[in-house]
Amino acid sequence: MTPARARAIVGDPSFTLPRPGGGCTLDRFAALVRACSDDISTGRLVEAHADADAILAEICDGGTSPGEFWGVWAAETRGSGVDARRGAYGWELSGTKEWCSGATSCTHALVTARTDTGNRLFGVDLGHPGVSADSSGWANAGMRDSDTGTVTFDAVPADAIGEPGAYLDRPGFWHGGIGVAACWFGGARKVAAPLYRAAARSDDPLLLMHAGAVDAHLASGWAHLQAAAREIDTDPGAPSKRLAFAVRWSVEQVATAVIDRVGRALGPGPLSADAGHAQAVVDLTVYIRQSHADRDLAVLGALTDGVPPGPGSAGP
């Protein structure tokens, strides 16, 4: 079971992911790439746990503890939501949160909730009887093993993590968004694997052409992740929203191109006969839709400030 594999990975005493901005961000991204190159849903759950650890460290100098398996549940959807109110013994959460990966398998979660002074982040022990989770409504085969569902809270005790707005108003929010792109890139590598195997034993020029195109796409995606890691480590506190949107869009295009090229090169065979490849294709197709597509491009366009990427002016 995928959540059990992910929990075993993060629970292994040898499991360590450098936190972003500490000088080893590329090692963090590479670990996420490898996890999703092996299994996309497992890697996605590992990424969420690692993101929770980084968030706790950045906001309150905390972190996850051995034996815990964390999710980050921050989606805000119309018609649902979680409210936080002060009870007799502290904060309590009530309401419904959708798009929760690890809904029935996580032990703890970081949850965004509404308060009288704005949205705020809370840490929740999911063992409380007021927590109920349902992942039965997931209809698509893609990312089904990520245990994504809806979680309902009924007066559940919670710990406030930082002040209102702290979750979004921090450099690490965008570092985490690039970490998700690293997972997409790992998924693209997994989808590409059958084409690489076929190209190694073929002299078909058309198949080799597709393999060359996929290799170039993957090289560009990895180069973008490498450059982003260097930029984050050089100045961890620098604004990185533009960087995150650019990397995410770039890797999304790589993933889309890889899915298309592999299908055109190999035909229906792997999709119909190779269960692992078929699962990877549907997983990645769903996973990259965590992007907001053209809306994200519009945001990126508004961030450019009239200055294209590349070296600055050398002066007169």
C-alpha atoms as a PDB file:
ATOM      1  CA  MET A   1       0.000   0.000   0.000  1.00  0.00           C
ATOM      2  CA  THR A   2       1.437   3.361  -1.051  1.00  0.00           C
ATOM      3  CA  PRO A   3       0.829   5.315   2.200  1.00  0.00           C
ATOM      4  CA  ALA A   4       2.463   2.504   4.158  1.00  0.00           C
ATOM      5  CA  ARG A   5       5.521   2.655   1.879  1.00  0.00           C
ATOM      6  CA  ALA A   6       5.734   6.430   2.257  1.00  0.00           C
ATOM      7  CA  ARG A   7       5.398   6.190   6.023  1.00  0.00           C
ATOM      8  CA  ALA A   8       8.129   3.542   6.111  1.00  0.00           C
ATOM      9  CA  ILE A   9      10.428   5.822   4.092  1.00  0.00           C
ATOM     10  CA  VAL A  10      10.019   8.849   6.357  1.00  0.00           C
ATOM     11  CA  GLY A  11      10.158   6.649   9.443  1.00  0.00           C
ATOM     12  CA  ASP A  12      13.492   5.100   8.505  1.00  0.00           C
ATOM     13  CA  PRO A  13      16.190   6.500  10.847  1.00  0.00           C
ATOM     14  CA  SER A  14      18.420   7.059   7.812  1.00  0.00           C
ATOM     15  CA  PHE A  15      15.835   9.284   6.103  1.00  0.00           C
ATOM     16  CA  THR A  16      16.945  12.896   6.047  1.00  0.00           C
ATOM     17  CA  LEU A  17      15.996  15.643   3.643  1.00  0.00           C
ATOM     18  CA  PRO A  18      17.964  18.901   3.890  1.00  0.00           C
ATOM     19  CA  ARG A  19      15.655  21.824   4.492  1.00  0.00           C
ATOM     20  CA  PRO A  20      15.558  24.347   1.638  1.00  0.00           C
ATOM     21  CA  GLY A  21      17.925  27.289   1.837  1.00  0.00           C
ATOM     22  CA  GLY A  22      20.487  25.550   4.026  1.00  0.00           C
ATOM     23  CA  GLY A  23      23.103  25.008   1.347  1.00  0.00           C
ATOM     24  CA  CYS A  24      21.952  21.556   0.203  1.00  0.00           C
ATOM     25  CA  THR A  25      18.684  22.399  -1.544  1.00  0.00           C
ATOM     26  CA  LEU A  26      19.699  20.478  -4.663  1.00  0.00           C
ATOM     27  CA  ASP A  27      20.130  17.349  -2.530  1.00  0.00           C
ATOM     28  CA  ARG A  28      16.560  17.868  -1.312  1.00  0.00           C
ATOM     29  CA  PHE A  29      15.211  18.253  -4.831  1.00  0.00           C
ATOM     30  CA  ALA A  30      17.220  15.241  -6.030  1.00  0.00           C
ATOM     31  CA  ALA A  31      15.749  13.072  -3.260  1.00  0.00           C
ATOM     32  CA  LEU A  32      12.232  14.102  -4.267  1.00  0.00           C
ATOM     33  CA  VAL A  33      13.044  13.391  -7.926  1.00  0.00           C
ATOM     34  CA  ARG A  34      14.290   9.909  -7.031  1.00  0.00           C
ATOM     35  CA  ALA A  35      11.242   9.179  -4.872  1.00  0.00           C
ATOM     36  CA  CYS A  36       8.828  10.038  -7.693  1.00  0.00           C
ATOM     37  CA  SER A  37      10.998   8.296 -10.286  1.00  0.00           C
ATOM     38  CA  ASP A  38      10.317   5.154  -8.260  1.00  0.00           C
ATOM     39  CA  ASP A  39       6.613   5.720  -7.528  1.00  0.00           C
ATOM     40  CA  ILE A  40       4.776   8.997  -8.051  1.00  0.00           C
ATOM     41  CA  SER A  41       2.116   8.674  -5.354  1.00  0.00           C
ATOM     42  CA  THR A  42       4.641   7.517  -2.772  1.00  0.00           C
ATOM     43  CA  GLY A  43       6.938  10.407  -3.640  1.00  0.00           C
ATOM     44  CA  ARG A  44       4.069  12.866  -3.381  1.00  0.00           C
ATOM     45  CA  LEU A  45       3.317  11.729   0.200  1.00  0.00           C
ATOM     46  CA  VAL A  46       7.005  11.852   1.145  1.00  0.00           C
ATOM     47  CA  GLU A  47       7.195  15.401  -0.250  1.00  0.00           C
ATOM     48  CA  ALA A  48       4.237  16.494   1.902  1.00  0.00           C
ATOM     49  CA  HIS A  49       5.809  15.130   5.080  1.00  0.00           C
ATOM     50  CA  ALA A  50       9.127  16.799   4.235  1.00  0.00           C
ATOM     51  CA  ASP A  51       7.314  20.057   3.456  1.00  0.00           C
ATOM     52  CA  ALA A  52       5.569  19.953   6.830  1.00  0.00           C
ATOM     53  CA  ASP A  53       8.940  19.533   8.538  1.00  0.00           C
ATOM     54  CA  ALA A  54      10.377  22.525   6.638  1.00  0.00           C
ATOM     55  CA  ILE A  55       7.318  24.674   7.404  1.00  0.00           C
ATOM     56  CA  LEU A  56       7.482  23.904  11.129  1.00  0.00           C
ATOM     57  CA  ALA A  57      11.194  24.727  11.143  1.00  0.00           C
ATOM     58  CA  GLU A  58      10.754  28.005   9.289  1.00  0.00           C
ATOM     59  CA  ILE A  59       7.778  29.347  11.218  1.00  0.00           C
ATOM     60  CA  CYS A  60       8.369  28.137  14.762  1.00  0.00           C
ATOM     61  CA  ASP A  61      11.799  26.462  14.865  1.00  0.00           C
ATOM     62  CA  GLY A  62      10.078  23.093  15.177  1.00  0.00           C
ATOM     63  CA  GLY A  63       9.896  19.985  13.035  1.00  0.00           C
ATOM     64  CA  THR A  64       8.329  16.577  12.718  1.00  0.00           C
ATOM     65  CA  SER A  65       9.102  13.847  15.265  1.00  0.00           C
ATOM     66  CA  PRO A  66       9.946  10.147  14.833  1.00  0.00           C
ATOM     67  CA  GLY A  67       6.881   7.990  14.282  1.00  0.00           C
ATOM     68  CA  GLU A  68       4.836  10.835  12.829  1.00  0.00           C
ATOM     69  CA  PHE A  69       3.542  11.023   9.265  1.00  0.00           C
ATOM     70  CA  TRP A  70       2.440  14.525   8.274  1.00  0.00           C
ATOM     71  CA  GLY A  71       0.292  16.014   5.541  1.00  0.00           C
ATOM     72  CA  VAL A  72      -0.081  19.656   4.501  1.00  0.00           C
ATOM     73  CA  TRP A  73      -3.738  20.449   3.865  1.00  0.00           C
ATOM     74  CA  ALA A  74      -4.007  24.005   2.618  1.00  0.00           C
ATOM     75  CA  ALA A  75      -6.416  23.856  -0.332  1.00  0.00           C
ATOM     76  CA  GLU A  76      -9.187  26.441  -0.181  1.00  0.00           C
ATOM     77  CA  THR A  77     -12.303  25.518  -2.164  1.00  0.00           C
ATOM     78  CA  ARG A  78     -15.713  27.091  -2.553  1.00  0.00           C
ATOM     79  CA  GLY A  79     -18.422  25.538  -0.451  1.00  0.00           C
ATOM     80  CA  SER A  80     -16.084  24.072   2.144  1.00  0.00           C
ATOM     81  CA  GLY A  81     -13.525  25.227   4.645  1.00  0.00           C
ATOM     82  CA  VAL A  82     -12.338  24.967   8.212  1.00  0.00           C
ATOM     83  CA  ASP A  83     -12.950  27.515  10.951  1.00  0.00           C
ATOM     84  CA  ALA A  84     -10.719  27.919  13.982  1.00  0.00           C
ATOM     85  CA  ARG A  85     -12.131  29.219  17.239  1.00  0.00           C
ATOM     86  CA  ARG A  86     -10.798  29.470  20.737  1.00  0.00           C
ATOM     87  CA  GLY A  87     -12.392  26.934  23.054  1.00  0.00           C
ATOM     88  CA  ALA A  88     -12.078  26.421  26.773  1.00  0.00           C
ATOM     89  CA  TYR A  89      -8.644  24.807  26.397  1.00  0.00           C
ATOM     90  CA  GLY A  90      -7.265  26.485  23.287  1.00  0.00           C
ATOM     91  CA  TRP A  91      -7.874  26.473  19.562  1.00  0.00           C
ATOM     92  CA  GLU A  92     -10.412  24.091  18.015  1.00  0.00           C
ATOM     93  CA  LEU A  93     -11.052  23.344  14.339  1.00  0.00           C
ATOM     94  CA  SER A  94     -14.441  22.594  12.793  1.00  0.00           C
ATOM     95  CA  GLY A  95     -15.388  22.197   9.141  1.00  0.00           C
ATOM     96  CA  THR A  96     -14.393  20.315   6.022  1.00  0.00           C
ATOM     97  CA  LYS A  97     -11.102  20.354   4.132  1.00  0.00           C
ATOM     98  CA  GLU A  98     -10.909  18.926   0.601  1.00  0.00           C
ATOM     99  CA  TRP A  99      -7.911  17.679  -1.429  1.00  0.00           C
ATOM    100  CA  CYS A 100      -6.144  16.152   1.568  1.00  0.00           C
ATOM    101  CA  SER A 101      -3.432  13.701   0.489  1.00  0.00           C
ATOM    102  CA  GLY A 102      -2.866  11.027   3.100  1.00  0.00           C
ATOM    103  CA  ALA A 103      -6.407  11.657   4.354  1.00  0.00           C
ATOM    104  CA  THR A 104      -6.810   8.293   6.079  1.00  0.00           C
ATOM    105  CA  SER A 105      -3.145   7.505   6.706  1.00  0.00           C
ATOM    106  CA  CYS A 106      -1.429  10.611   8.118  1.00  0.00           C
ATOM    107  CA  THR A 107      -0.926  10.878  11.878  1.00  0.00           C
ATOM    108  CA  HIS A 108      -0.684  14.693  11.852  1.00  0.00           C
ATOM    109  CA  ALA A 109      -1.372  17.541   9.462  1.00  0.00           C
ATOM    110  CA  LEU A 110      -0.784  21.218   8.972  1.00  0.00           C
ATOM    111  CA  VAL A 111      -4.207  22.684   8.183  1.00  0.00           C
ATOM    112  CA  THR A 112      -5.156  26.194   7.084  1.00  0.00           C
ATOM    113  CA  ALA A 113      -8.253  27.552   8.765  1.00  0.00           C
ATOM    114  CA  ARG A 114     -10.235  30.791   8.980  1.00  0.00           C
ATOM    115  CA  THR A 115     -10.032  32.939  12.086  1.00  0.00           C
ATOM    116  CA  ASP A 116     -11.455  36.335  13.002  1.00  0.00           C
ATOM    117  CA  THR A 117      -8.097  37.890  12.085  1.00  0.00           C
ATOM    118  CA  GLY A 118      -7.488  36.014   8.832  1.00  0.00           C
ATOM    119  CA  ASN A 119      -6.349  32.603   7.643  1.00  0.00           C
ATOM    120  CA  ARG A 120      -3.946  30.838   9.960  1.00  0.00           C
ATOM    121  CA  LEU A 121      -1.986  27.588  10.005  1.00  0.00           C
ATOM    122  CA  PHE A 122      -2.605  24.915  12.640  1.00  0.00           C
ATOM    123  CA  GLY A 123      -0.955  21.667  13.601  1.00  0.00           C
ATOM    124  CA  VAL A 124      -3.405  18.853  14.275  1.00  0.00           C
ATOM    125  CA  ASP A 125      -3.070  15.391  15.809  1.00  0.00           C
ATOM    126  CA  LEU A 126      -5.350  13.350  13.566  1.00  0.00           C
ATOM    127  CA  GLY A 127      -5.896  10.686  16.204  1.00  0.00           C
ATOM    128  CA  HIS A 128      -8.570  12.846  17.846  1.00  0.00           C
ATOM    129  CA  PRO A 129     -12.087  11.318  17.619  1.00  0.00           C
ATOM    130  CA  GLY A 130     -13.406  14.539  16.075  1.00  0.00           C
ATOM    131  CA  VAL A 131     -11.447  13.848  12.872  1.00  0.00           C
ATOM    132  CA  SER A 132     -13.099  11.797  10.120  1.00  0.00           C
ATOM    133  CA  ALA A 133     -11.691  11.145   6.653  1.00  0.00           C
ATOM    134  CA  ASP A 134     -13.146   9.817   3.425  1.00  0.00           C
ATOM    135  CA  SER A 135     -11.113   9.070   0.290  1.00  0.00           C
ATOM    136  CA  SER A 136     -13.818   7.002  -1.435  1.00  0.00           C
ATOM    137  CA  GLY A 137     -14.853   9.874  -3.718  1.00  0.00           C
ATOM    138  CA  TRP A 138     -11.659   9.783  -5.795  1.00  0.00           C
ATOM    139  CA  ALA A 139     -12.849   8.546  -9.202  1.00  0.00           C
ATOM    140  CA  ASN A 140      -9.704   8.822 -11.332  1.00  0.00           C
ATOM    141  CA  ALA A 141      -7.115   6.045 -11.446  1.00  0.00           C
ATOM    142  CA  GLY A 142      -4.436   8.761 -11.446  1.00  0.00           C
ATOM    143  CA  MET A 143      -2.951   9.444  -7.983  1.00  0.00           C
ATOM    144  CA  ARG A 144      -5.514   7.123  -6.418  1.00  0.00           C
ATOM    145  CA  ASP A 145      -2.786   5.641  -4.235  1.00  0.00           C
ATOM    146  CA  SER A 146      -2.027   9.062  -2.733  1.00  0.00           C
ATOM    147  CA  ASP A 147      -5.019   8.533  -0.405  1.00  0.00           C
ATOM    148  CA  THR A 148      -6.460  11.938  -1.303  1.00  0.00           C
ATOM    149  CA  GLY A 149      -9.852  12.716   0.147  1.00  0.00           C
ATOM    150  CA  THR A 150     -12.000  14.962   2.308  1.00  0.00           C
ATOM    151  CA  VAL A 151     -11.386  15.404   6.018  1.00  0.00           C
ATOM    152  CA  THR A 152     -13.990  16.708   8.458  1.00  0.00           C
ATOM    153  CA  PHE A 153     -13.102  18.310  11.799  1.00  0.00           C
ATOM    154  CA  ASP A 154     -15.520  18.545  14.716  1.00  0.00           C
ATOM    155  CA  ALA A 155     -14.127  20.660  17.570  1.00  0.00           C
ATOM    156  CA  VAL A 156     -10.663  19.177  17.128  1.00  0.00           C
ATOM    157  CA  PRO A 157      -7.892  20.650  19.306  1.00  0.00           C
ATOM    158  CA  ALA A 158      -5.153  22.354  17.292  1.00  0.00           C
ATOM    159  CA  ASP A 159      -1.938  24.277  17.832  1.00  0.00           C
ATOM    160  CA  ALA A 160      -1.525  27.621  16.072  1.00  0.00           C
ATOM    161  CA  ILE A 161       1.613  27.661  13.912  1.00  0.00           C
ATOM    162  CA  GLY A 162       2.760  31.244  13.611  1.00  0.00           C
ATOM    163  CA  GLU A 163       0.628  34.333  13.251  1.00  0.00           C
ATOM    164  CA  PRO A 164      -2.180  34.890  10.706  1.00  0.00           C
ATOM    165  CA  GLY A 165      -0.723  34.884   7.203  1.00  0.00           C
ATOM    166  CA  ALA A 166       2.549  33.248   8.266  1.00  0.00           C
ATOM    167  CA  TYR A 167       2.030  30.202   6.034  1.00  0.00           C
ATOM    168  CA  LEU A 168       1.908  32.237   2.821  1.00  0.00           C
ATOM    169  CA  ASP A 169       4.091  35.194   3.846  1.00  0.00           C
ATOM    170  CA  ARG A 170       7.425  33.384   4.004  1.00  0.00           C
ATOM    171  CA  PRO A 171      10.169  32.578   1.490  1.00  0.00           C
ATOM    172  CA  GLY A 172       9.780  28.846   2.083  1.00  0.00           C
ATOM    173  CA  PHE A 173       6.279  28.804   0.615  1.00  0.00           C
ATOM    174  CA  TRP A 174       7.777  29.235  -2.840  1.00  0.00           C
ATOM    175  CA  HIS A 175      10.668  26.871  -2.099  1.00  0.00           C
ATOM    176  CA  GLY A 176       8.042  24.236  -1.342  1.00  0.00           C
ATOM    177  CA  GLY A 177       6.315  24.958  -4.641  1.00  0.00           C
ATOM    178  CA  ILE A 178       9.564  24.230  -6.460  1.00  0.00           C
ATOM    179  CA  GLY A 179       9.847  20.995  -4.468  1.00  0.00           C
ATOM    180  CA  VAL A 180       6.538  19.922  -5.980  1.00  0.00           C
ATOM    181  CA  ALA A 181       7.998  20.646  -9.429  1.00  0.00           C
ATOM    182  CA  ALA A 182      10.894  18.325  -8.530  1.00  0.00           C
ATOM    183  CA  CYS A 183       8.291  15.619  -7.902  1.00  0.00           C
ATOM    184  CA  TRP A 184       6.688  16.298 -11.298  1.00  0.00           C
ATOM    185  CA  PHE A 185      10.128  15.985 -12.867  1.00  0.00           C
ATOM    186  CA  GLY A 186      10.662  12.639 -11.150  1.00  0.00           C
ATOM    187  CA  GLY A 187       7.309  11.500 -12.508  1.00  0.00           C
ATOM    188  CA  ALA A 188       8.361  12.532 -16.022  1.00  0.00           C
ATOM    189  CA  ARG A 189      11.512  10.432 -15.676  1.00  0.00           C
ATOM    190  CA  LYS A 190       9.398   7.439 -14.662  1.00  0.00           C
ATOM    191  CA  VAL A 191       7.096   7.897 -17.655  1.00  0.00           C
ATOM    192  CA  ALA A 192      10.139   8.193 -19.937  1.00  0.00           C
ATOM    193  CA  ALA A 193      11.825   4.999 -18.689  1.00  0.00           C
ATOM    194  CA  PRO A 194      10.287   2.593 -21.265  1.00  0.00           C
ATOM    195  CA  LEU A 195      11.372   4.866 -24.115  1.00  0.00           C
ATOM    196  CA  TYR A 196      14.941   4.933 -22.834  1.00  0.00           C
ATOM    197  CA  ARG A 197      14.943   1.139 -22.643  1.00  0.00           C
ATOM    198  CA  ALA A 198      13.530   0.841 -26.150  1.00  0.00           C
ATOM    199  CA  ALA A 199      16.018   3.341 -27.587  1.00  0.00           C
ATOM    200  CA  ALA A 200      18.947   1.435 -26.111  1.00  0.00           C
ATOM    201  CA  ARG A 201      18.122  -1.603 -28.233  1.00  0.00           C
ATOM    202  CA  SER A 202      16.731   0.044 -31.404  1.00  0.00           C
ATOM    203  CA  ASP A 203      18.079   1.665 -34.540  1.00  0.00           C
ATOM    204  CA  ASP A 204      14.674   2.992 -35.631  1.00  0.00           C
ATOM    205  CA  PRO A 205      15.398   6.643 -36.488  1.00  0.00           C
ATOM    206  CA  LEU A 206      11.882   7.809 -35.593  1.00  0.00           C
ATOM    207  CA  LEU A 207      11.990   6.183 -32.165  1.00  0.00           C
ATOM    208  CA  LEU A 208      15.468   7.601 -31.589  1.00  0.00           C
ATOM    209  CA  MET A 209      14.231  11.036 -32.614  1.00  0.00           C
ATOM    210  CA  HIS A 210      11.537  10.904 -29.935  1.00  0.00           C
ATOM    211  CA  ALA A 211      14.098   9.642 -27.407  1.00  0.00           C
ATOM    212  CA  GLY A 212      16.388  12.550 -28.254  1.00  0.00           C
ATOM    213  CA  ALA A 213      13.573  15.051 -27.816  1.00  0.00           C
ATOM    214  CA  VAL A 214      12.619  13.543 -24.445  1.00  0.00           C
ATOM    215  CA  ASP A 215      16.240  13.583 -23.318  1.00  0.00           C
ATOM    216  CA  ALA A 216      16.557  17.266 -24.216  1.00  0.00           C
ATOM    217  CA  HIS A 217      13.305  18.099 -22.403  1.00  0.00           C
ATOM    218  CA  LEU A 218      14.448  16.283 -19.269  1.00  0.00           C
ATOM    219  CA  ALA A 219      17.866  17.927 -19.391  1.00  0.00           C
ATOM    220  CA  SER A 220      16.271  21.372 -19.523  1.00  0.00           C
ATOM    221  CA  GLY A 221      13.948  20.579 -16.623  1.00  0.00           C
ATOM    222  CA  TRP A 222      16.796  19.311 -14.474  1.00  0.00           C
ATOM    223  CA  ALA A 223      18.920  22.349 -15.349  1.00  0.00           C
ATOM    224  CA  HIS A 224      16.089  24.643 -14.207  1.00  0.00           C
ATOM    225  CA  LEU A 225      15.802  22.787 -10.897  1.00  0.00           C
ATOM    226  CA  GLN A 226      19.569  22.951 -10.395  1.00  0.00           C
ATOM    227  CA  ALA A 227      19.621  26.689 -11.054  1.00  0.00           C
ATOM    228  CA  ALA A 228      16.689  27.220  -8.683  1.00  0.00           C
ATOM    229  CA  ALA A 229      18.454  25.293  -5.916  1.00  0.00           C
ATOM    230  CA  ARG A 230      21.571  27.438  -6.313  1.00  0.00           C
ATOM    231  CA  GLU A 231      19.509  30.630  -6.223  1.00  0.00           C
ATOM    232  CA  ILE A 232      17.653  29.549  -3.085  1.00  0.00           C
ATOM    233  CA  ASP A 233      20.875  28.634  -1.284  1.00  0.00           C
ATOM    234  CA  THR A 234      22.583  31.863  -2.328  1.00  0.00           C
ATOM    235  CA  ASP A 235      19.881  34.005  -0.706  1.00  0.00           C
ATOM    236  CA  PRO A 236      17.249  31.940   1.156  1.00  0.00           C
ATOM    237  CA  GLY A 237      15.295  35.013   2.210  1.00  0.00           C
ATOM    238  CA  ALA A 238      15.060  36.576  -1.236  1.00  0.00           C
ATOM    239  CA  PRO A 239      11.659  36.852  -2.946  1.00  0.00           C
ATOM    240  CA  SER A 240      11.290  33.723  -5.056  1.00  0.00           C
ATOM    241  CA  LYS A 241       7.707  33.837  -6.275  1.00  0.00           C
ATOM    242  CA  ARG A 242       8.769  34.589  -9.858  1.00  0.00           C
ATOM    243  CA  LEU A 243      11.348  31.798  -9.725  1.00  0.00           C
ATOM    244  CA  ALA A 244       8.772  29.308  -8.435  1.00  0.00           C
ATOM    245  CA  PHE A 245       6.208  30.106 -11.123  1.00  0.00           C
ATOM    246  CA  ALA A 246       8.857  29.897 -13.853  1.00  0.00           C
ATOM    247  CA  VAL A 247      10.239  26.552 -12.652  1.00  0.00           C
ATOM    248  CA  ARG A 248       6.809  25.032 -12.147  1.00  0.00           C
ATOM    249  CA  TRP A 249       5.638  26.070 -15.619  1.00  0.00           C
ATOM    250  CA  SER A 250       8.867  24.840 -17.194  1.00  0.00           C
ATOM    251  CA  VAL A 251       8.681  21.425 -15.528  1.00  0.00           C
ATOM    252  CA  GLU A 252       4.978  21.130 -16.317  1.00  0.00           C
ATOM    253  CA  GLN A 253       5.818  21.597 -20.013  1.00  0.00           C
ATOM    254  CA  VAL A 254       8.548  18.965 -19.724  1.00  0.00           C
ATOM    255  CA  ALA A 255       6.114  16.499 -18.153  1.00  0.00           C
ATOM    256  CA  THR A 256       3.433  17.147 -20.776  1.00  0.00           C
ATOM    257  CA  ALA A 257       5.937  16.766 -23.614  1.00  0.00           C
ATOM    258  CA  VAL A 258       7.335  13.540 -22.179  1.00  0.00           C
ATOM    259  CA  ILE A 259       3.884  11.968 -21.853  1.00  0.00           C
ATOM    260  CA  ASP A 260       3.119  12.914 -25.462  1.00  0.00           C
ATOM    261  CA  ARG A 261       6.457  11.846 -26.956  1.00  0.00           C
ATOM    262  CA  VAL A 262       6.581   8.495 -25.164  1.00  0.00           C
ATOM    263  CA  GLY A 263       3.069   7.652 -26.338  1.00  0.00           C
ATOM    264  CA  ARG A 264       3.822   8.622 -29.920  1.00  0.00           C
ATOM    265  CA  ALA A 265       7.085   6.696 -29.933  1.00  0.00           C
ATOM    266  CA  LEU A 266       5.892   3.459 -28.348  1.00  0.00           C
ATOM    267  CA  GLY A 267       2.223   3.338 -29.291  1.00  0.00           C
ATOM    268  CA  PRO A 268      -0.427   1.670 -27.115  1.00  0.00           C
ATOM    269  CA  GLY A 269       1.709  -1.313 -26.094  1.00  0.00           C
ATOM    270  CA  PRO A 270       3.154  -0.037 -22.798  1.00  0.00           C
ATOM    271  CA  LEU A 271      -0.101   1.707 -21.874  1.00  0.00           C
ATOM    272  CA  SER A 272      -2.051  -1.525 -22.255  1.00  0.00           C
ATOM    273  CA  ALA A 273       0.484  -4.161 -21.160  1.00  0.00           C
ATOM    274  CA  ASP A 274       2.804  -2.433 -18.676  1.00  0.00           C
ATOM    275  CA  ALA A 275       0.805  -1.722 -15.508  1.00  0.00           C
ATOM    276  CA  GLY A 276       3.561   0.327 -13.916  1.00  0.00           C
ATOM    277  CA  HIS A 277       3.934   2.581 -16.955  1.00  0.00           C
ATOM    278  CA  ALA A 278       0.185   2.988 -17.390  1.00  0.00           C
ATOM    279  CA  GLN A 279      -0.127   3.993 -13.734  1.00  0.00           C
ATOM    280  CA  ALA A 280       2.740   6.471 -14.047  1.00  0.00           C
ATOM    281  CA  VAL A 281       1.110   8.152 -17.055  1.00  0.00           C
ATOM    282  CA  VAL A 282      -2.240   8.645 -15.328  1.00  0.00           C
ATOM    283  CA  ASP A 283      -0.560   9.636 -12.055  1.00  0.00           C
ATOM    284  CA  LEU A 284       1.566  12.321 -13.707  1.00  0.00           C
ATOM    285  CA  THR A 285      -1.332  13.576 -15.831  1.00  0.00           C
ATOM    286  CA  VAL A 286      -3.381  14.215 -12.683  1.00  0.00           C
ATOM    287  CA  TYR A 287      -0.479  15.428 -10.539  1.00  0.00           C
ATOM    288  CA  ILE A 288       0.615  18.250 -12.845  1.00  0.00           C
ATOM    289  CA  ARG A 289      -2.920  19.612 -12.733  1.00  0.00           C
ATOM    290  CA  GLN A 290      -2.009  20.847  -9.274  1.00  0.00           C
ATOM    291  CA  SER A 291      -0.678  23.672 -11.412  1.00  0.00           C
ATOM    292  CA  HIS A 292      -3.212  26.315 -12.392  1.00  0.00           C
ATOM    293  CA  ALA A 293      -2.028  26.213 -16.003  1.00  0.00           C
ATOM    294  CA  ASP A 294      -2.633  29.479 -17.883  1.00  0.00           C
ATOM    295  CA  ARG A 295      -3.631  31.325 -14.716  1.00  0.00           C
ATOM    296  CA  ASP A 296      -0.139  30.651 -13.374  1.00  0.00           C
ATOM    297  CA  LEU A 297       1.354  32.038 -16.578  1.00  0.00           C
ATOM    298  CA  ALA A 298      -0.659  35.218 -16.122  1.00  0.00           C
ATOM    299  CA  VAL A 299       0.731  35.566 -12.601  1.00  0.00           C
ATOM    300  CA  LEU A 300       4.259  35.011 -13.917  1.00  0.00           C
ATOM    301  CA  GLY A 301       3.724  37.647 -16.588  1.00  0.00           C
ATOM    302  CA  ALA A 302       2.706  40.169 -13.939  1.00  0.00           C
ATOM    303  CA  LEU A 303       5.903  39.466 -11.996  1.00  0.00           C
ATOM    304  CA  THR A 304       8.353  40.144 -14.819  1.00  0.00           C
ATOM    305  CA  ASP A 305       8.549  43.938 -14.248  1.00  0.00           C
ATOM    306  CA  GLY A 306       9.777  44.431 -17.804  1.00  0.00           C
ATOM    307  CA  VAL A 307      13.091  42.652 -17.151  1.00  0.00           C
ATOM    308  CA  PRO A 308      13.775  39.377 -19.012  1.00  0.00           C
ATOM    309  CA  PRO A 309      15.782  36.563 -17.418  1.00  0.00           C
ATOM    310  CA  GLY A 310      19.523  36.574 -18.051  1.00  0.00           C
ATOM    311  CA  PRO A 311      22.517  38.740 -17.214  1.00  0.00           C
ATOM    312  CA  GLY A 312      21.971  42.301 -16.180  1.00  0.00           C
ATOM    313  CA  SER A 313      23.210  45.335 -18.042  1.00  0.00           C
ATOM    314  CA  ALA A 314      27.003  45.640 -18.292  1.00  0.00           C
ATOM    315  CA  GLY A 315      26.702  49.407 -18.229  1.00  0.00           C
ATOM    316  CA  PRO A 316      28.009  51.906 -20.779  1.00  0.00           C
END
